[in-house]
Amino acid sequence: MAGRFDPLTRTAVRGGRTDVPAGQGAAAPGAKPRVWTPEGPLDLGLTLGPLRRGPADPTFRTTPDGSVWKASQTPQGPATLRVSRTGTGEVHAQAWGPGTDWMLEQLPALLGSGDDPAAFVPRHRLLHASHRRRPGLRLTRTGMVMESLIPVVLEQKVTTDEAYRAWRRLVRQYGEPAPGPDAVRALDLYVMPTPRTWALIPSWDWHKAGVDAKRSTTILRAARVAARLEEAAAMELPQAAARLEAVPGIGPWTSAETLQRSNGDPDAVTTGDLHLPGIVGYALAGDRDADDAVMLELLAPYAGQRHRAARLILLAGHTPPRRTPRMPRGDIGRL
């Protein structure tokens, strides 16, 4: 039964499925190391997968030696993090750059040390199967709000392909190469721009990246109050969501998608999504036309764990058959 719930679909990828090859690569030179042992099973791909913005994300890489590489703009400056697992279950991490100490201190939270998977009790056969197949799923907590918020704003009201293209272009054009040795430079990793740099991007470059005025203006507003928004990483979900949604252009969908990553909140269910209610409704009740109200009713038995339940449904890939054409791709940069 469980085997039928694990196709490699766009829905599963949206749920955070990122393949990380098995193995442990050799240590790269010039890094500050840290070894950490998780208390239970840990799947690096599932845990860190939601931080990846498409297969060509310039801030995220996986390599054949079993490593995950992440470049971040930390509170202490840019940093590159490399994470891999050994056969004994240990996590080996290395970091480079001014934000090295901050990244290594944040490592356990990034890998879900504050998450409690035992709090989730599946009450549906699909959720039970999906949960059983993924014992290493942990909800990441990056502690960085702007790093999650900006790509989420870029995803508002457009296809993921359009959003990923805009993210790649703007990060490569206005970010900086990730710090580290030749091994890092060979991966072509970039650190996202600082809030000040985002605020200085001219209107024509937003246009060339395919970002309309509504989304670019929202990012500019957020960049101007970035310090206040970063404080939301230490808040409880209702207060954190209220802090983000005080910025015009940021609504419940954007705040939930952001806080799922920055705060690792297991209950930050996404509302206002075009597809998620139908996916959840179809998976749990056979109702492909479910709206937000129906979705929340179906997820009510998982109160406190609704985001985890939604992720497990997405990872199961059990979606309703398509009835309409895909949303057409647009590129205002060609106008």
Protein backbone atom coordinates (compact mmCIF):
# COMPACT_ATOMS: atom_id res chain seq x y z
CA MET A 1 0.00 0.00 0.00
CA ALA A 2 2.67 2.52 0.99
CA GLY A 3 4.59 2.12 -2.24
CA ARG A 4 1.86 3.80 -4.28
CA PHE A 5 2.27 7.04 -2.29
CA ASP A 6 5.79 8.03 -3.32
CA PRO A 7 5.86 9.26 -6.93
CA LEU A 8 8.34 11.97 -7.94
CA THR A 9 5.86 14.68 -8.85
CA ARG A 10 5.82 18.47 -8.72
CA THR A 11 3.63 18.14 -5.65
CA ALA A 12 6.20 15.97 -3.88
CA VAL A 13 8.93 18.45 -4.78
CA ARG A 14 6.82 21.27 -3.38
CA GLY A 15 6.55 19.25 -0.18
CA GLY A 16 10.30 19.57 0.19
CA ARG A 17 11.54 16.42 -1.49
CA THR A 18 15.18 16.96 -2.49
CA ASP A 19 17.37 13.99 -3.31
CA VAL A 20 20.73 13.93 -1.53
CA PRO A 21 23.09 11.16 -2.67
CA ALA A 22 24.41 8.78 -0.05
CA GLY A 23 27.98 9.20 1.14
CA GLN A 24 30.24 11.58 3.00
CA GLY A 25 32.66 13.78 1.14
CA ALA A 26 36.15 14.69 2.23
CA ALA A 27 36.57 17.81 4.33
CA ALA A 28 37.28 20.99 2.38
CA PRO A 29 40.19 23.20 3.52
CA GLY A 30 40.01 26.40 5.51
CA ALA A 31 36.68 25.77 7.21
CA LYS A 32 35.56 25.83 10.81
CA PRO A 33 34.06 22.40 11.56
CA ARG A 34 31.30 21.14 13.85
CA VAL A 35 30.12 17.60 14.56
CA TRP A 36 26.58 17.10 15.85
CA THR A 37 24.63 13.92 16.55
CA PRO A 38 20.84 14.09 16.12
CA GLU A 39 18.66 12.23 18.61
CA GLY A 40 16.71 10.31 15.97
CA PRO A 41 16.59 9.64 12.21
CA LEU A 42 17.45 12.60 10.00
CA ASP A 43 16.95 12.92 6.25
CA LEU A 44 18.98 15.91 5.03
CA GLY A 45 17.07 16.14 1.76
CA LEU A 46 13.63 16.22 3.36
CA THR A 47 14.68 18.55 6.18
CA LEU A 48 16.56 21.13 4.11
CA GLY A 49 14.59 20.63 0.88
CA PRO A 50 12.09 23.46 1.55
CA LEU A 51 15.01 25.95 1.48
CA ARG A 52 15.76 25.12 -2.15
CA ARG A 53 14.18 27.43 -4.71
CA GLY A 54 14.26 25.27 -7.79
CA PRO A 55 16.91 22.92 -9.18
CA ALA A 56 19.24 25.81 -10.13
CA ASP A 57 18.93 27.85 -6.92
CA PRO A 58 22.23 29.78 -6.70
CA THR A 59 22.13 29.65 -2.87
CA PHE A 60 21.64 25.87 -2.53
CA ARG A 61 23.48 22.88 -3.92
CA THR A 62 23.69 19.12 -3.39
CA THR A 63 26.78 17.22 -4.54
CA PRO A 64 27.38 13.57 -5.44
CA ASP A 65 29.43 13.02 -2.27
CA GLY A 66 26.27 13.38 -0.14
CA SER A 67 26.76 17.01 0.89
CA VAL A 68 24.25 19.85 1.09
CA TRP A 69 25.71 23.32 0.57
CA LYS A 70 23.85 26.48 1.62
CA ALA A 71 24.94 30.11 1.26
CA SER A 72 23.19 32.56 3.59
CA GLN A 73 23.18 36.22 4.58
CA THR A 74 23.38 35.75 8.37
CA PRO A 75 23.09 38.49 11.03
CA GLN A 76 26.91 38.40 11.20
CA GLY A 77 27.49 38.51 7.46
CA PRO A 78 27.67 36.08 4.54
CA ALA A 79 28.45 32.43 5.20
CA THR A 80 28.66 29.13 3.36
CA LEU A 81 27.58 25.94 5.13
CA ARG A 82 28.35 22.38 4.06
CA VAL A 83 26.49 19.53 5.79
CA SER A 84 26.87 15.77 5.38
CA ARG A 85 26.12 12.61 7.38
CA THR A 86 28.35 9.69 8.30
CA GLY A 87 27.37 6.05 8.43
CA THR A 88 27.25 6.29 12.23
CA GLY A 89 24.58 9.00 12.11
CA GLU A 90 26.80 11.96 12.96
CA VAL A 91 26.34 15.24 11.10
CA HIS A 92 29.57 16.83 9.92
CA ALA A 93 29.36 20.53 9.12
CA GLN A 94 31.86 23.07 7.83
CA ALA A 95 31.39 26.80 7.40
CA TRP A 96 33.25 29.70 5.82
CA GLY A 97 32.85 33.46 5.93
CA PRO A 98 32.05 36.18 8.49
CA GLY A 99 28.83 34.40 9.51
CA THR A 100 30.58 31.09 10.26
CA ASP A 101 30.03 31.10 14.03
CA TRP A 102 26.37 32.04 13.67
CA MET A 103 25.72 29.30 11.09
CA LEU A 104 27.41 26.58 13.14
CA GLU A 105 25.58 27.64 16.30
CA GLN A 106 22.30 27.50 14.38
CA LEU A 107 23.09 24.06 12.89
CA PRO A 108 20.97 21.89 15.26
CA ALA A 109 17.90 24.12 14.78
CA LEU A 110 18.48 24.15 11.03
CA LEU A 111 18.37 20.35 11.11
CA GLY A 112 15.22 20.19 13.21
CA SER A 113 16.53 19.72 16.74
CA GLY A 114 13.62 21.79 18.07
CA ASP A 115 11.06 19.78 16.12
CA ASP A 116 9.01 17.04 17.79
CA PRO A 117 7.86 14.52 15.17
CA ALA A 118 6.37 12.32 17.93
CA ALA A 119 3.70 14.99 18.47
CA PHE A 120 2.14 14.05 15.12
CA VAL A 121 -0.43 11.23 15.21
CA PRO A 122 -1.68 10.22 11.73
CA ARG A 123 -5.42 9.61 11.51
CA HIS A 124 -5.73 8.75 7.82
CA ARG A 125 -4.23 5.83 5.91
CA LEU A 126 -2.46 8.10 3.40
CA LEU A 127 -0.91 10.18 6.17
CA HIS A 128 0.01 7.04 8.06
CA ALA A 129 1.79 5.62 5.01
CA SER A 130 3.55 8.89 4.17
CA HIS A 131 4.64 9.37 7.80
CA ARG A 132 5.95 5.82 8.10
CA ARG A 133 8.02 6.12 4.93
CA ARG A 134 9.76 9.29 6.10
CA PRO A 135 11.07 8.83 9.65
CA GLY A 136 13.87 11.32 8.94
CA LEU A 137 11.58 14.26 8.18
CA ARG A 138 12.33 17.20 10.48
CA LEU A 139 11.02 20.75 10.17
CA THR A 140 13.91 23.14 9.66
CA ARG A 141 14.24 26.44 11.53
CA THR A 142 16.63 28.84 9.81
CA GLY A 143 16.19 31.78 12.19
CA MET A 144 16.37 34.12 9.17
CA VAL A 145 13.12 35.78 8.10
CA MET A 146 14.21 37.84 5.08
CA GLU A 147 15.97 34.85 3.50
CA SER A 148 12.62 33.03 3.43
CA LEU A 149 10.34 36.03 2.87
CA ILE A 150 11.83 37.46 -0.32
CA PRO A 151 11.62 34.29 -2.47
CA VAL A 152 8.10 33.68 -1.12
CA VAL A 153 7.01 37.16 -2.24
CA LEU A 154 8.48 36.40 -5.67
CA GLU A 155 6.20 33.34 -5.81
CA GLN A 156 3.01 35.37 -5.31
CA LYS A 157 0.46 34.91 -8.13
CA VAL A 158 2.92 33.43 -10.66
CA THR A 159 4.15 29.98 -11.63
CA THR A 160 7.04 28.53 -9.67
CA ASP A 161 9.18 28.54 -12.81
CA GLU A 162 8.72 32.31 -13.17
CA ALA A 163 9.51 32.87 -9.49
CA TYR A 164 12.61 30.65 -9.58
CA ARG A 165 13.87 32.45 -12.69
CA ALA A 166 13.47 35.84 -11.01
CA TRP A 167 15.21 34.60 -7.85
CA ARG A 168 18.17 33.24 -9.84
CA ARG A 169 18.60 36.39 -11.87
CA LEU A 170 18.37 38.85 -8.99
CA VAL A 171 20.61 36.84 -6.64
CA ARG A 172 23.30 36.41 -9.28
CA GLN A 173 23.12 40.06 -10.33
CA TYR A 174 22.97 41.70 -6.90
CA GLY A 175 24.23 39.04 -4.50
CA GLU A 176 27.86 38.13 -3.92
CA PRO A 177 29.83 34.93 -4.47
CA ALA A 178 29.64 32.68 -1.44
CA PRO A 179 32.76 32.72 0.77
CA GLY A 180 35.00 29.69 0.81
CA PRO A 181 37.77 27.82 -1.02
CA ASP A 182 37.91 26.63 -4.62
CA ALA A 183 35.40 23.87 -3.85
CA VAL A 184 32.79 26.53 -3.05
CA ARG A 185 33.60 28.66 -6.09
CA ALA A 186 33.32 25.59 -8.31
CA LEU A 187 29.70 25.20 -7.17
CA ASP A 188 28.90 28.77 -8.32
CA LEU A 189 27.16 29.52 -5.01
CA TYR A 190 25.88 33.01 -4.27
CA VAL A 191 24.75 34.78 -1.09
CA MET A 192 21.48 36.67 -1.44
CA PRO A 193 21.69 40.49 -1.35
CA THR A 194 21.41 42.43 1.91
CA PRO A 195 18.15 44.26 2.64
CA ARG A 196 19.78 47.56 1.67
CA THR A 197 20.80 46.14 -1.71
CA TRP A 198 17.28 44.82 -2.35
CA ALA A 199 15.96 48.32 -1.61
CA LEU A 200 18.32 49.85 -4.20
CA ILE A 201 17.45 47.59 -7.15
CA PRO A 202 16.16 49.86 -9.95
CA SER A 203 12.71 49.34 -11.43
CA TRP A 204 14.04 48.25 -14.82
CA ASP A 205 15.99 45.34 -13.33
CA TRP A 206 12.87 44.13 -11.50
CA HIS A 207 11.12 44.31 -14.86
CA LYS A 208 13.89 42.40 -16.65
CA ALA A 209 13.64 39.69 -13.99
CA GLY A 210 9.92 39.37 -14.68
CA VAL A 211 8.83 40.83 -11.33
CA ASP A 212 5.78 43.10 -11.47
CA ALA A 213 5.46 46.32 -9.49
CA LYS A 214 3.23 44.79 -6.80
CA ARG A 215 5.77 42.14 -5.80
CA SER A 216 8.81 44.40 -6.11
CA THR A 217 7.11 47.09 -4.01
CA THR A 218 6.30 44.52 -1.32
CA ILE A 219 9.95 43.48 -1.19
CA LEU A 220 11.04 47.13 -0.98
CA ARG A 221 8.66 47.74 1.93
CA ALA A 222 9.95 44.63 3.71
CA ALA A 223 13.59 45.59 3.12
CA ARG A 224 13.05 48.97 4.78
CA VAL A 225 11.87 47.30 8.00
CA ALA A 226 14.04 44.20 7.74
CA ALA A 227 15.39 44.48 11.28
CA ARG A 228 11.87 44.49 12.72
CA LEU A 229 10.81 41.56 10.55
CA GLU A 230 13.84 39.51 11.62
CA GLU A 231 12.57 39.77 15.22
CA ALA A 232 9.65 37.55 14.18
CA ALA A 233 12.02 34.56 14.12
CA ALA A 234 11.90 34.50 17.93
CA MET A 235 8.13 35.01 18.25
CA GLU A 236 5.24 32.59 18.60
CA LEU A 237 3.24 31.94 15.43
CA PRO A 238 0.34 34.42 15.93
CA GLN A 239 2.63 37.30 16.89
CA ALA A 240 5.14 36.47 14.15
CA ALA A 241 2.41 36.33 11.50
CA ALA A 242 0.99 39.64 12.70
CA ARG A 243 4.43 41.27 12.49
CA LEU A 244 4.90 40.13 8.89
CA GLU A 245 1.36 40.93 7.80
CA ALA A 246 1.71 44.50 9.04
CA VAL A 247 3.67 45.11 5.83
CA PRO A 248 1.31 45.89 2.93
CA GLY A 249 1.50 43.12 0.33
CA ILE A 250 2.19 40.37 2.88
CA GLY A 251 -0.89 38.29 3.65
CA PRO A 252 -1.60 34.95 5.34
CA TRP A 253 -0.20 32.89 2.43
CA THR A 254 3.13 34.74 2.41
CA SER A 255 3.53 34.83 6.19
CA ALA A 256 2.76 31.10 6.57
CA GLU A 257 5.19 30.06 3.81
CA THR A 258 7.86 32.25 5.39
CA LEU A 259 7.39 31.15 9.00
CA GLN A 260 7.37 27.48 8.03
CA ARG A 261 11.04 27.95 7.18
CA SER A 262 12.30 30.75 9.42
CA ASN A 263 10.49 29.57 12.57
CA GLY A 264 10.02 25.87 11.83
CA ASP A 265 6.44 26.11 13.05
CA PRO A 266 4.60 22.78 12.63
CA ASP A 267 1.18 24.47 12.64
CA ALA A 268 1.79 27.24 10.05
CA VAL A 269 -0.69 25.88 7.50
CA THR A 270 -0.79 27.74 4.18
CA THR A 271 -4.13 29.36 3.36
CA GLY A 272 -4.97 31.32 0.23
CA ASP A 273 -3.12 28.84 -1.99
CA LEU A 274 -4.42 28.04 -5.47
CA HIS A 275 -3.79 24.28 -5.28
CA LEU A 276 -3.27 23.18 -1.66
CA PRO A 277 -6.94 23.04 -0.54
CA GLY A 278 -7.84 20.81 -3.47
CA ILE A 279 -4.84 18.56 -2.86
CA VAL A 280 -5.62 18.17 0.84
CA GLY A 281 -9.33 17.75 0.17
CA TYR A 282 -8.73 15.10 -2.48
CA ALA A 283 -6.19 13.21 -0.35
CA LEU A 284 -8.25 13.13 2.84
CA ALA A 285 -11.85 13.19 1.62
CA GLY A 286 -11.89 12.75 -2.16
CA ASP A 287 -12.98 16.39 -2.55
CA ARG A 288 -10.93 18.01 -5.27
CA ASP A 289 -12.99 21.22 -5.05
CA ALA A 290 -12.22 21.88 -1.37
CA ASP A 291 -11.60 25.49 -0.34
CA ASP A 292 -9.65 26.87 2.60
CA ALA A 293 -12.53 26.33 5.02
CA VAL A 294 -12.86 22.67 4.06
CA MET A 295 -9.09 22.19 4.19
CA LEU A 296 -8.88 23.65 7.69
CA GLU A 297 -11.77 21.44 8.80
CA LEU A 298 -10.02 18.35 7.45
CA LEU A 299 -6.76 19.36 9.15
CA ALA A 300 -8.46 20.23 12.46
CA PRO A 301 -7.60 16.81 14.03
CA TYR A 302 -3.93 17.74 13.51
CA ALA A 303 -4.12 21.07 15.37
CA GLY A 304 -0.60 22.07 16.31
CA GLN A 305 0.79 19.90 13.49
CA ARG A 306 -1.20 21.08 10.47
CA HIS A 307 1.84 22.18 8.48
CA ARG A 308 3.47 18.77 8.98
CA ALA A 309 0.25 17.05 7.89
CA ALA A 310 0.10 19.19 4.74
CA ARG A 311 3.75 18.43 3.94
CA LEU A 312 3.20 14.71 4.30
CA ILE A 313 0.23 14.95 1.95
CA LEU A 314 2.31 16.84 -0.61
CA LEU A 315 5.16 14.34 -0.28
CA ALA A 316 2.71 11.50 -0.88
CA GLY A 317 2.04 12.97 -4.33
CA HIS A 318 -1.59 11.81 -4.25
CA THR A 319 -3.15 14.59 -6.34
CA PRO A 320 -6.42 14.91 -8.28
CA PRO A 321 -6.26 14.38 -12.04
CA ARG A 322 -5.72 17.62 -13.93
CA ARG A 323 -8.87 19.10 -15.48
CA THR A 324 -7.54 22.38 -16.83
CA PRO A 325 -4.37 23.46 -18.64
CA ARG A 326 -1.40 24.55 -16.56
CA MET A 327 -1.23 28.20 -15.63
CA PRO A 328 0.50 29.90 -18.58
CA ARG A 329 4.02 31.16 -18.04
CA GLY A 330 4.61 34.85 -18.43
CA ASP A 331 7.69 37.03 -18.75
CA ILE A 332 7.07 40.74 -18.39
CA GLY A 333 10.79 41.24 -18.96
CA ARG A 334 10.13 40.65 -22.69
CA LEU A 335 7.61 43.49 -22.90
